[in-house]
PDB file of N, CA and C in Angstrom:
ATOM      1  N   MET A   1     -10.149  21.849  44.018  1.00  0.00           N
ATOM      2  CA  MET A   1     -10.641  20.587  44.472  1.00  0.00           C
ATOM      3  C   MET A   1     -12.044  20.661  44.782  1.00  0.00           C
ATOM      4  N   LEU A   2     -12.633  21.849  45.369  1.00  0.00           N
ATOM      5  CA  LEU A   2     -14.079  22.158  45.571  1.00  0.00           C
ATOM      6  C   LEU A   2     -14.603  22.059  44.236  1.00  0.00           C
ATOM      7  N   LEU A   3     -14.314  22.746  43.145  1.00  0.00           N
ATOM      8  CA  LEU A   3     -14.764  22.526  41.884  1.00  0.00           C
ATOM      9  C   LEU A   3     -14.976  21.012  41.197  1.00  0.00           C
ATOM     10  N   GLN A   4     -14.008  20.018  41.686  1.00  0.00           N
ATOM     11  CA  GLN A   4     -14.042  18.804  41.399  1.00  0.00           C
ATOM     12  C   GLN A   4     -15.268  18.127  42.082  1.00  0.00           C
ATOM     13  N   PHE A   5     -15.461  18.447  43.405  1.00  0.00           N
ATOM     14  CA  PHE A   5     -16.475  17.900  44.370  1.00  0.00           C
ATOM     15  C   PHE A   5     -17.897  18.450  43.806  1.00  0.00           C
ATOM     16  N   ILE A   6     -17.935  19.540  43.348  1.00  0.00           N
ATOM     17  CA  ILE A   6     -19.227  20.086  42.751  1.00  0.00           C
ATOM     18  C   ILE A   6     -19.528  19.292  41.552  1.00  0.00           C
ATOM     19  N   VAL A   7     -18.495  19.252  40.698  1.00  0.00           N
ATOM     20  CA  VAL A   7     -18.731  18.453  39.259  1.00  0.00           C
ATOM     21  C   VAL A   7     -19.372  17.109  39.473  1.00  0.00           C
ATOM     22  N   ASN A   8     -18.450  16.530  40.585  1.00  0.00           N
ATOM     23  CA  ASN A   8     -18.752  15.075  40.725  1.00  0.00           C
ATOM     24  C   ASN A   8     -20.274  15.112  41.337  1.00  0.00           C
ATOM     25  N   GLY A   9     -20.700  15.915  42.224  1.00  0.00           N
ATOM     26  CA  GLY A   9     -22.023  15.939  42.763  1.00  0.00           C
ATOM     27  C   GLY A   9     -22.927  16.104  41.662  1.00  0.00           C
ATOM     28  N   LEU A  10     -22.855  17.039  40.851  1.00  0.00           N
ATOM     29  CA  LEU A  10     -23.809  17.145  39.741  1.00  0.00           C
ATOM     30  C   LEU A  10     -24.028  16.040  38.706  1.00  0.00           C
ATOM     31  N   ILE A  11     -22.842  15.371  38.317  1.00  0.00           N
ATOM     32  CA  ILE A  11     -22.805  14.327  37.560  1.00  0.00           C
ATOM     33  C   ILE A  11     -23.723  12.984  38.189  1.00  0.00           C
ATOM     34  N   THR A  12     -23.322  12.770  39.496  1.00  0.00           N
ATOM     35  CA  THR A  12     -24.035  11.929  40.322  1.00  0.00           C
ATOM     36  C   THR A  12     -25.473  11.983  40.482  1.00  0.00           C
ATOM     37  N   GLY A  13     -25.764  13.396  40.709  1.00  0.00           N
ATOM     38  CA  GLY A  13     -27.226  13.759  40.744  1.00  0.00           C
ATOM     39  C   GLY A  13     -27.975  13.513  39.549  1.00  0.00           C
ATOM     40  N   VAL A  14     -27.349  13.823  38.231  1.00  0.00           N
ATOM     41  CA  VAL A  14     -27.976  13.696  37.078  1.00  0.00           C
ATOM     42  C   VAL A  14     -28.087  12.128  36.808  1.00  0.00           C
ATOM     43  N   ILE A  15     -27.314  11.329  37.011  1.00  0.00           N
ATOM     44  CA  ILE A  15     -27.341   9.912  36.966  1.00  0.00           C
ATOM     45  C   ILE A  15     -28.423   9.287  37.839  1.00  0.00           C
ATOM     46  N   TYR A  16     -28.606   9.773  39.067  1.00  0.00           N
ATOM     47  CA  TYR A  16     -29.679   9.362  39.999  1.00  0.00           C
ATOM     48  C   TYR A  16     -31.108   9.906  39.461  1.00  0.00           C
ATOM     49  N   SER A  17     -30.952  11.117  38.859  1.00  0.00           N
ATOM     50  CA  SER A  17     -32.292  11.541  38.356  1.00  0.00           C
ATOM     51  C   SER A  17     -32.825  10.929  37.195  1.00  0.00           C
ATOM     52  N   LEU A  18     -31.662  10.487  36.401  1.00  0.00           N
ATOM     53  CA  LEU A  18     -32.357   9.680  35.094  1.00  0.00           C
ATOM     54  C   LEU A  18     -32.858   8.266  35.433  1.00  0.00           C
ATOM     55  N   ALA A  19     -32.294   7.623  36.587  1.00  0.00           N
ATOM     56  CA  ALA A  19     -32.858   6.368  37.027  1.00  0.00           C
ATOM     57  C   ALA A  19     -34.239   6.678  37.533  1.00  0.00           C
ATOM     58  N   ALA A  20     -34.191   7.702  38.460  1.00  0.00           N
ATOM     59  CA  ALA A  20     -35.613   8.132  38.909  1.00  0.00           C
ATOM     60  C   ALA A  20     -36.721   8.240  38.098  1.00  0.00           C
ATOM     61  N   ILE A  21     -36.349   9.222  36.926  1.00  0.00           N
ATOM     62  CA  ILE A  21     -37.269   9.427  35.877  1.00  0.00           C
ATOM     63  C   ILE A  21     -37.696   8.006  35.189  1.00  0.00           C
ATOM     64  N   GLY A  22     -36.845   7.157  34.996  1.00  0.00           N
ATOM     65  CA  GLY A  22     -37.171   6.151  34.336  1.00  0.00           C
ATOM     66  C   GLY A  22     -38.136   5.231  35.192  1.00  0.00           C
ATOM     67  N   PHE A  23     -37.919   5.137  36.481  1.00  0.00           N
ATOM     68  CA  PHE A  23     -38.716   4.245  37.460  1.00  0.00           C
ATOM     69  C   PHE A  23     -40.242   4.993  37.361  1.00  0.00           C
ATOM     70  N   ALA A  24     -39.887   6.436  37.474  1.00  0.00           N
ATOM     71  CA  ALA A  24     -41.387   7.250  37.695  1.00  0.00           C
ATOM     72  C   ALA A  24     -42.227   7.026  36.299  1.00  0.00           C
ATOM     73  N   LEU A  25     -41.569   6.836  35.194  1.00  0.00           N
ATOM     74  CA  LEU A  25     -42.285   6.698  34.064  1.00  0.00           C
ATOM     75  C   LEU A  25     -43.151   5.484  33.888  1.00  0.00           C
ATOM     76  N   VAL A  26     -42.427   4.525  34.295  1.00  0.00           N
ATOM     77  CA  VAL A  26     -42.896   3.265  34.252  1.00  0.00           C
ATOM     78  C   VAL A  26     -43.986   3.103  35.181  1.00  0.00           C
ATOM     79  N   TYR A  27     -43.767   3.495  36.401  1.00  0.00           N
ATOM     80  CA  TYR A  27     -44.784   3.605  37.500  1.00  0.00           C
ATOM     81  C   TYR A  27     -46.085   4.350  37.168  1.00  0.00           C
ATOM     82  N   ASN A  28     -45.917   5.386  36.669  1.00  0.00           N
ATOM     83  CA  ASN A  28     -46.970   6.363  36.439  1.00  0.00           C
ATOM     84  C   ASN A  28     -48.074   5.758  35.278  1.00  0.00           C
ATOM     85  N   THR A  29     -47.247   5.096  34.391  1.00  0.00           N
ATOM     86  CA  THR A  29     -48.029   4.559  33.143  1.00  0.00           C
ATOM     87  C   THR A  29     -48.841   3.087  33.404  1.00  0.00           C
ATOM     88  N   THR A  30     -48.054   2.248  34.388  1.00  0.00           N
ATOM     89  CA  THR A  30     -48.631   0.981  34.577  1.00  0.00           C
ATOM     90  C   THR A  30     -49.014   0.657  35.980  1.00  0.00           C
ATOM     91  N   ARG A  31     -48.557   1.694  36.917  1.00  0.00           N
ATOM     92  CA  ARG A  31     -49.017   1.547  38.418  1.00  0.00           C
ATOM     93  C   ARG A  31     -48.236   0.277  38.941  1.00  0.00           C
ATOM     94  N   ILE A  32     -47.274  -0.096  38.215  1.00  0.00           N
ATOM     95  CA  ILE A  32     -46.301  -1.177  38.815  1.00  0.00           C
ATOM     96  C   ILE A  32     -44.738  -0.686  39.183  1.00  0.00           C
ATOM     97  N   PHE A  33     -44.329  -0.951  40.451  1.00  0.00           N
ATOM     98  CA  PHE A  33     -43.009  -0.691  40.683  1.00  0.00           C
ATOM     99  C   PHE A  33     -42.203  -1.616  39.811  1.00  0.00           C
ATOM    100  N   HIS A  34     -41.714  -1.258  38.746  1.00  0.00           N
ATOM    101  CA  HIS A  34     -41.033  -2.422  37.743  1.00  0.00           C
ATOM    102  C   HIS A  34     -39.378  -2.465  38.210  1.00  0.00           C
ATOM    103  N   ILE A  35     -39.196  -3.276  39.090  1.00  0.00           N
ATOM    104  CA  ILE A  35     -37.864  -3.422  39.768  1.00  0.00           C
ATOM    105  C   ILE A  35     -36.789  -4.054  38.677  1.00  0.00           C
ATOM    106  N   ALA A  36     -37.376  -4.857  37.681  1.00  0.00           N
ATOM    107  CA  ALA A  36     -36.526  -5.490  36.754  1.00  0.00           C
ATOM    108  C   ALA A  36     -36.123  -4.358  35.656  1.00  0.00           C
ATOM    109  N   ALA A  37     -36.526  -3.126  35.765  1.00  0.00           N
ATOM    110  CA  ALA A  37     -36.020  -2.015  34.841  1.00  0.00           C
ATOM    111  C   ALA A  37     -34.646  -1.789  35.053  1.00  0.00           C
ATOM    112  N   ALA A  38     -34.153  -2.089  36.181  1.00  0.00           N
ATOM    113  CA  ALA A  38     -32.467  -1.874  36.523  1.00  0.00           C
ATOM    114  C   ALA A  38     -31.840  -2.918  35.848  1.00  0.00           C
ATOM    115  N   ALA A  39     -32.239  -4.042  35.841  1.00  0.00           N
ATOM    116  CA  ALA A  39     -31.627  -5.233  35.125  1.00  0.00           C
ATOM    117  C   ALA A  39     -31.709  -4.999  33.716  1.00  0.00           C
ATOM    118  N   LEU A  40     -32.857  -4.387  33.085  1.00  0.00           N
ATOM    119  CA  LEU A  40     -32.948  -4.237  31.580  1.00  0.00           C
ATOM    120  C   LEU A  40     -31.814  -2.949  31.357  1.00  0.00           C
ATOM    121  N   TYR A  41     -31.663  -2.031  32.155  1.00  0.00           N
ATOM    122  CA  TYR A  41     -30.558  -1.018  31.848  1.00  0.00           C
ATOM    123  C   TYR A  41     -29.226  -1.549  32.063  1.00  0.00           C
ATOM    124  N   VAL A  42     -28.982  -2.729  32.698  1.00  0.00           N
ATOM    125  CA  VAL A  42     -27.521  -3.259  32.752  1.00  0.00           C
ATOM    126  C   VAL A  42     -27.503  -4.158  31.493  1.00  0.00           C
ATOM    127  N   ALA A  43     -28.611  -4.678  31.136  1.00  0.00           N
ATOM    128  CA  ALA A  43     -28.491  -5.604  29.947  1.00  0.00           C
ATOM    129  C   ALA A  43     -28.071  -4.567  28.740  1.00  0.00           C
ATOM    130  N   ALA A  44     -28.753  -3.572  28.572  1.00  0.00           N
ATOM    131  CA  ALA A  44     -28.279  -2.609  27.425  1.00  0.00           C
ATOM    132  C   ALA A  44     -27.001  -2.361  27.415  1.00  0.00           C
ATOM    133  N   ALA A  45     -26.409  -1.970  28.566  1.00  0.00           N
ATOM    134  CA  ALA A  45     -25.003  -1.824  28.599  1.00  0.00           C
ATOM    135  C   ALA A  45     -24.066  -3.051  28.290  1.00  0.00           C
ATOM    136  N   TYR A  46     -24.570  -4.118  28.605  1.00  0.00           N
ATOM    137  CA  TYR A  46     -23.517  -5.376  28.064  1.00  0.00           C
ATOM    138  C   TYR A  46     -23.987  -5.625  26.552  1.00  0.00           C
ATOM    139  N   PHE A  47     -25.247  -5.436  26.057  1.00  0.00           N
ATOM    140  CA  PHE A  47     -25.425  -5.368  24.702  1.00  0.00           C
ATOM    141  C   PHE A  47     -24.452  -4.523  23.950  1.00  0.00           C
ATOM    142  N   PHE A  48     -24.296  -3.315  24.223  1.00  0.00           N
ATOM    143  CA  PHE A  48     -23.605  -2.411  23.685  1.00  0.00           C
ATOM    144  C   PHE A  48     -22.129  -2.726  23.775  1.00  0.00           C
ATOM    145  N   TYR A  49     -21.504  -3.297  24.995  1.00  0.00           N
ATOM    146  CA  TYR A  49     -20.300  -3.731  25.187  1.00  0.00           C
ATOM    147  C   TYR A  49     -19.896  -4.778  24.207  1.00  0.00           C
ATOM    148  N   PHE A  50     -20.833  -5.661  24.111  1.00  0.00           N
ATOM    149  CA  PHE A  50     -20.672  -6.764  23.258  1.00  0.00           C
ATOM    150  C   PHE A  50     -20.668  -6.466  21.759  1.00  0.00           C
ATOM    151  N   ALA A  51     -21.409  -5.472  21.333  1.00  0.00           N
ATOM    152  CA  ALA A  51     -21.406  -5.106  19.779  1.00  0.00           C
ATOM    153  C   ALA A  51     -20.138  -4.361  19.613  1.00  0.00           C
ATOM    154  N   PHE A  52     -19.750  -3.379  20.601  1.00  0.00           N
ATOM    155  CA  PHE A  52     -18.717  -2.423  20.451  1.00  0.00           C
ATOM    156  C   PHE A  52     -17.369  -3.228  20.562  1.00  0.00           C
ATOM    157  N   HIS A  53     -17.233  -3.834  21.605  1.00  0.00           N
ATOM    158  CA  HIS A  53     -15.610  -4.439  21.664  1.00  0.00           C
ATOM    159  C   HIS A  53     -15.525  -5.661  21.320  1.00  0.00           C
ATOM    160  N   THR A  54     -16.551  -6.629  21.342  1.00  0.00           N
ATOM    161  CA  THR A  54     -16.413  -8.113  20.745  1.00  0.00           C
ATOM    162  C   THR A  54     -16.487  -7.948  19.320  1.00  0.00           C
ATOM    163  N   LEU A  55     -17.675  -7.487  18.744  1.00  0.00           N
ATOM    164  CA  LEU A  55     -17.987  -7.534  17.416  1.00  0.00           C
ATOM    165  C   LEU A  55     -17.140  -6.352  16.633  1.00  0.00           C
ATOM    166  N   SER A  56     -16.596  -5.531  17.337  1.00  0.00           N
ATOM    167  CA  SER A  56     -15.807  -4.244  16.717  1.00  0.00           C
ATOM    168  C   SER A  56     -16.616  -3.538  15.802  1.00  0.00           C
ATOM    169  N   LEU A  57     -17.941  -3.272  16.021  1.00  0.00           N
ATOM    170  CA  LEU A  57     -18.591  -2.499  15.335  1.00  0.00           C
ATOM    171  C   LEU A  57     -18.601  -1.029  15.711  1.00  0.00           C
ATOM    172  N   PRO A  58     -18.949  -0.144  14.530  1.00  0.00           N
ATOM    173  CA  PRO A  58     -18.880   1.397  15.168  1.00  0.00           C
ATOM    174  C   PRO A  58     -19.905   1.797  16.201  1.00  0.00           C
ATOM    175  N   LEU A  59     -19.524   2.807  16.862  1.00  0.00           N
ATOM    176  CA  LEU A  59     -20.199   3.398  17.953  1.00  0.00           C
ATOM    177  C   LEU A  59     -21.602   3.357  17.809  1.00  0.00           C
ATOM    178  N   TRP A  60     -22.025   4.120  16.591  1.00  0.00           N
ATOM    179  CA  TRP A  60     -23.494   4.291  16.428  1.00  0.00           C
ATOM    180  C   TRP A  60     -24.320   3.184  16.116  1.00  0.00           C
ATOM    181  N   LEU A  61     -23.867   2.065  15.514  1.00  0.00           N
ATOM    182  CA  LEU A  61     -24.300   0.789  15.027  1.00  0.00           C
ATOM    183  C   LEU A  61     -24.313  -0.050  16.480  1.00  0.00           C
ATOM    184  N   SER A  62     -23.432   0.163  17.455  1.00  0.00           N
ATOM    185  CA  SER A  62     -23.296  -0.710  18.626  1.00  0.00           C
ATOM    186  C   SER A  62     -24.542  -0.101  19.499  1.00  0.00           C
ATOM    187  N   ALA A  63     -24.711   1.169  19.367  1.00  0.00           N
ATOM    188  CA  ALA A  63     -26.025   1.982  20.238  1.00  0.00           C
ATOM    189  C   ALA A  63     -27.212   1.339  19.636  1.00  0.00           C
ATOM    190  N   VAL A  64     -27.312   1.515  18.321  1.00  0.00           N
ATOM    191  CA  VAL A  64     -28.556   0.956  17.843  1.00  0.00           C
ATOM    192  C   VAL A  64     -28.759  -0.557  18.089  1.00  0.00           C
ATOM    193  N   ILE A  65     -27.906  -1.198  17.904  1.00  0.00           N
ATOM    194  CA  ILE A  65     -28.021  -2.636  18.198  1.00  0.00           C
ATOM    195  C   ILE A  65     -28.307  -2.856  19.710  1.00  0.00           C
ATOM    196  N   ALA A  66     -27.873  -2.178  20.716  1.00  0.00           N
ATOM    197  CA  ALA A  66     -28.176  -2.271  22.119  1.00  0.00           C
ATOM    198  C   ALA A  66     -29.556  -1.822  22.316  1.00  0.00           C
ATOM    199  N   LEU A  67     -30.061  -0.815  21.637  1.00  0.00           N
ATOM    200  CA  LEU A  67     -31.303  -0.420  21.722  1.00  0.00           C
ATOM    201  C   LEU A  67     -32.297  -1.324  21.349  1.00  0.00           C
ATOM    202  N   ILE A  68     -32.101  -1.785  20.135  1.00  0.00           N
ATOM    203  CA  ILE A  68     -32.899  -2.969  19.671  1.00  0.00           C
ATOM    204  C   ILE A  68     -33.064  -4.186  20.515  1.00  0.00           C
ATOM    205  N   CYS A  69     -31.783  -4.544  21.158  1.00  0.00           N
ATOM    206  CA  CYS A  69     -31.930  -5.841  21.804  1.00  0.00           C
ATOM    207  C   CYS A  69     -32.692  -5.569  23.125  1.00  0.00           C
ATOM    208  N   THR A  70     -32.254  -4.457  23.732  1.00  0.00           N
ATOM    209  CA  THR A  70     -32.949  -4.124  25.080  1.00  0.00           C
ATOM    210  C   THR A  70     -34.437  -4.004  24.895  1.00  0.00           C
ATOM    211  N   ALA A  71     -34.805  -3.597  23.816  1.00  0.00           N
ATOM    212  CA  ALA A  71     -36.340  -3.457  23.382  1.00  0.00           C
ATOM    213  C   ALA A  71     -36.922  -4.645  23.250  1.00  0.00           C
ATOM    214  N   LEU A  72     -36.354  -5.806  22.534  1.00  0.00           N
ATOM    215  CA  LEU A  72     -36.787  -6.785  22.309  1.00  0.00           C
ATOM    216  C   LEU A  72     -36.766  -7.812  23.688  1.00  0.00           C
ATOM    217  N   LEU A  73     -35.762  -7.710  24.563  1.00  0.00           N
ATOM    218  CA  LEU A  73     -35.809  -8.049  25.885  1.00  0.00           C
ATOM    219  C   LEU A  73     -36.964  -7.625  26.833  1.00  0.00           C
ATOM    220  N   SER A  74     -37.208  -6.213  26.708  1.00  0.00           N
ATOM    221  CA  SER A  74     -38.278  -5.656  27.477  1.00  0.00           C
ATOM    222  C   SER A  74     -39.837  -6.381  26.888  1.00  0.00           C
ATOM    223  N   VAL A  75     -39.925  -6.311  25.597  1.00  0.00           N
ATOM    224  CA  VAL A  75     -41.157  -7.021  25.013  1.00  0.00           C
ATOM    225  C   VAL A  75     -41.197  -8.521  25.387  1.00  0.00           C
ATOM    226  N   LEU A  76     -40.160  -9.298  25.355  1.00  0.00           N
ATOM    227  CA  LEU A  76     -40.119 -10.689  25.807  1.00  0.00           C
ATOM    228  C   LEU A  76     -40.829 -10.868  27.356  1.00  0.00           C
ATOM    229  N   CYS A  77     -40.211  -9.876  28.082  1.00  0.00           N
ATOM    230  CA  CYS A  77     -40.421  -9.843  29.500  1.00  0.00           C
ATOM    231  C   CYS A  77     -42.163  -9.441  29.641  1.00  0.00           C
ATOM    232  N   GLU A  78     -42.434  -8.562  28.890  1.00  0.00           N
ATOM    233  CA  GLU A  78     -43.925  -8.211  29.036  1.00  0.00           C
ATOM    234  C   GLU A  78     -44.706  -9.171  28.500  1.00  0.00           C
ATOM    235  N   TRP A  79     -44.545  -9.975  27.460  1.00  0.00           N
ATOM    236  CA  TRP A  79     -45.324 -10.875  26.978  1.00  0.00           C
ATOM    237  C   TRP A  79     -45.371 -12.315  27.650  1.00  0.00           C
ATOM    238  N   SER A  80     -44.327 -12.624  28.415  1.00  0.00           N
ATOM    239  CA  SER A  80     -44.021 -13.909  28.993  1.00  0.00           C
ATOM    240  C   SER A  80     -44.470 -13.759  30.442  1.00  0.00           C
ATOM    241  N   VAL A  81     -44.439 -12.679  31.001  1.00  0.00           N
ATOM    242  CA  VAL A  81     -44.637 -12.543  32.500  1.00  0.00           C
ATOM    243  C   VAL A  81     -45.773 -11.734  32.847  1.00  0.00           C
ATOM    244  N   TYR A  82     -45.654 -10.259  32.434  1.00  0.00           N
ATOM    245  CA  TYR A  82     -46.593  -9.431  32.779  1.00  0.00           C
ATOM    246  C   TYR A  82     -48.056  -9.544  32.219  1.00  0.00           C
ATOM    247  N   ARG A  83     -48.123  -9.768  30.809  1.00  0.00           N
ATOM    248  CA  ARG A  83     -49.279  -9.926  30.337  1.00  0.00           C
ATOM    249  C   ARG A  83     -50.133 -11.017  30.819  1.00  0.00           C
ATOM    250  N   PRO A  84     -49.671 -12.170  31.105  1.00  0.00           N
ATOM    251  CA  PRO A  84     -50.562 -13.303  31.731  1.00  0.00           C
ATOM    252  C   PRO A  84     -50.961 -12.815  33.120  1.00  0.00           C
ATOM    253  N   LEU A  85     -50.141 -12.203  33.650  1.00  0.00           N
ATOM    254  CA  LEU A  85     -50.632 -11.749  35.139  1.00  0.00           C
ATOM    255  C   LEU A  85     -51.830 -10.696  35.062  1.00  0.00           C
ATOM    256  N   TYR A  86     -51.714  -9.778  33.966  1.00  0.00           N
ATOM    257  CA  TYR A  86     -52.609  -8.692  33.702  1.00  0.00           C
ATOM    258  C   TYR A  86     -54.054  -9.576  33.270  1.00  0.00           C
ATOM    259  N   ASN A  87     -53.855 -10.624  32.388  1.00  0.00           N
ATOM    260  CA  ASN A  87     -54.966 -11.251  32.126  1.00  0.00           C
ATOM    261  C   ASN A  87     -55.804 -12.087  33.276  1.00  0.00           C
ATOM    262  N   LYS A  88     -55.068 -12.516  34.047  1.00  0.00           N
ATOM    263  CA  LYS A  88     -55.522 -13.064  35.205  1.00  0.00           C
ATOM    264  C   LYS A  88     -55.937 -12.266  36.481  1.00  0.00           C
ATOM    265  N   LYS A  89     -56.013 -10.849  35.988  1.00  0.00           N
ATOM    266  CA  LYS A  89     -56.275  -9.881  36.972  1.00  0.00           C
ATOM    267  C   LYS A  89     -55.570 -10.039  38.296  1.00  0.00           C
ATOM    268  N   SER A  90     -54.352 -10.177  38.483  1.00  0.00           N
ATOM    269  CA  SER A  90     -53.408 -10.380  39.616  1.00  0.00           C
ATOM    270  C   SER A  90     -53.345  -9.066  40.245  1.00  0.00           C
ATOM    271  N   SER A  91     -53.205  -9.150  41.487  1.00  0.00           N
ATOM    272  CA  SER A  91     -52.885  -8.038  42.265  1.00  0.00           C
ATOM    273  C   SER A  91     -51.648  -7.233  42.146  1.00  0.00           C
ATOM    274  N   LEU A  92     -51.339  -6.115  42.342  1.00  0.00           N
ATOM    275  CA  LEU A  92     -50.177  -5.380  41.993  1.00  0.00           C
ATOM    276  C   LEU A  92     -48.884  -5.944  42.939  1.00  0.00           C
ATOM    277  N   ASN A  93     -49.259  -6.440  44.106  1.00  0.00           N
ATOM    278  CA  ASN A  93     -48.180  -7.152  44.699  1.00  0.00           C
ATOM    279  C   ASN A  93     -47.605  -8.269  44.044  1.00  0.00           C
ATOM    280  N   VAL A  94     -48.499  -9.152  43.434  1.00  0.00           N
ATOM    281  CA  VAL A  94     -48.049 -10.243  42.905  1.00  0.00           C
ATOM    282  C   VAL A  94     -47.265  -9.764  41.462  1.00  0.00           C
ATOM    283  N   VAL A  95     -47.617  -8.745  40.768  1.00  0.00           N
ATOM    284  CA  VAL A  95     -46.859  -8.307  39.695  1.00  0.00           C
ATOM    285  C   VAL A  95     -45.378  -7.932  40.203  1.00  0.00           C
ATOM    286  N   MET A  96     -45.388  -7.023  41.256  1.00  0.00           N
ATOM    287  CA  MET A  96     -44.029  -6.602  41.832  1.00  0.00           C
ATOM    288  C   MET A  96     -43.154  -7.592  42.282  1.00  0.00           C
ATOM    289  N   ILE A  97     -43.699  -8.823  42.793  1.00  0.00           N
ATOM    290  CA  ILE A  97     -42.903  -9.843  43.190  1.00  0.00           C
ATOM    291  C   ILE A  97     -42.442 -10.591  42.011  1.00  0.00           C
ATOM    292  N   SER A  98     -43.328 -10.646  40.939  1.00  0.00           N
ATOM    293  CA  SER A  98     -42.797 -11.385  39.688  1.00  0.00           C
ATOM    294  C   SER A  98     -41.832 -10.477  39.095  1.00  0.00           C
ATOM    295  N   SER A  99     -41.754  -9.173  39.194  1.00  0.00           N
ATOM    296  CA  SER A  99     -40.967  -8.163  38.724  1.00  0.00           C
ATOM    297  C   SER A  99     -39.487  -8.515  39.360  1.00  0.00           C
ATOM    298  N   ILE A 100     -39.594  -8.801  40.609  1.00  0.00           N
ATOM    299  CA  ILE A 100     -38.200  -9.219  41.202  1.00  0.00           C
ATOM    300  C   ILE A 100     -37.834 -10.563  40.784  1.00  0.00           C
ATOM    301  N   GLY A 101     -38.691 -11.440  40.313  1.00  0.00           N
ATOM    302  CA  GLY A 101     -38.193 -12.652  39.736  1.00  0.00           C
ATOM    303  C   GLY A 101     -37.573 -12.650  38.253  1.00  0.00           C
ATOM    304  N   VAL A 102     -38.164 -11.576  37.625  1.00  0.00           N
ATOM    305  CA  VAL A 102     -37.608 -11.257  36.176  1.00  0.00           C
ATOM    306  C   VAL A 102     -36.239 -10.824  36.470  1.00  0.00           C
ATOM    307  N   MET A 103     -36.089  -9.814  37.507  1.00  0.00           N
ATOM    308  CA  MET A 103     -34.850  -9.253  37.645  1.00  0.00           C
ATOM    309  C   MET A 103     -33.680 -10.242  37.993  1.00  0.00           C
ATOM    310  N   THR A 104     -34.255 -11.150  38.939  1.00  0.00           N
ATOM    311  CA  THR A 104     -33.102 -12.326  39.378  1.00  0.00           C
ATOM    312  C   THR A 104     -32.819 -13.198  38.133  1.00  0.00           C
ATOM    313  N   ILE A 105     -33.938 -13.399  37.240  1.00  0.00           N
ATOM    314  CA  ILE A 105     -33.251 -14.325  36.060  1.00  0.00           C
ATOM    315  C   ILE A 105     -32.474 -13.471  35.134  1.00  0.00           C
ATOM    316  N   LEU A 106     -32.860 -12.204  35.043  1.00  0.00           N
ATOM    317  CA  LEU A 106     -31.971 -11.325  34.112  1.00  0.00           C
ATOM    318  C   LEU A 106     -30.483 -11.191  34.689  1.00  0.00           C
ATOM    319  N   ILE A 107     -30.227 -11.193  36.026  1.00  0.00           N
ATOM    320  CA  ILE A 107     -29.054 -11.095  36.727  1.00  0.00           C
ATOM    321  C   ILE A 107     -28.294 -12.317  36.447  1.00  0.00           C
ATOM    322  N   LEU A 108     -28.836 -13.439  36.478  1.00  0.00           N
ATOM    323  CA  LEU A 108     -28.285 -14.734  36.275  1.00  0.00           C
ATOM    324  C   LEU A 108     -27.993 -15.197  34.955  1.00  0.00           C
ATOM    325  N   MET A 109     -28.427 -14.401  34.117  1.00  0.00           N
ATOM    326  CA  MET A 109     -28.143 -14.738  32.798  1.00  0.00           C
ATOM    327  C   MET A 109     -26.943 -14.101  32.220  1.00  0.00           C
TER     328      MET A 109
END
């Protein structure tokens, strides 16, 4: 039973570290705490689920489709929300609040 606790702790730690690395990469490159990244991760899982279970596509093709759809959704968020804010020289607080708005909209979809 102790071995199971250790394995579960390691797996949970790896999952947390992957999420933290994702947030750190986005923050270090853009200086924005991109809160909507979590919603994009969940959207990627839904894209994969839809392609694999609903469309009955092979596993590798479902993964490719999920990656492409998530990348397109990310680019759409960048062009429609963040790019206009960068062009207006908005403060980082405004960009972070808009990130919360993007996350809310993605959750409601």
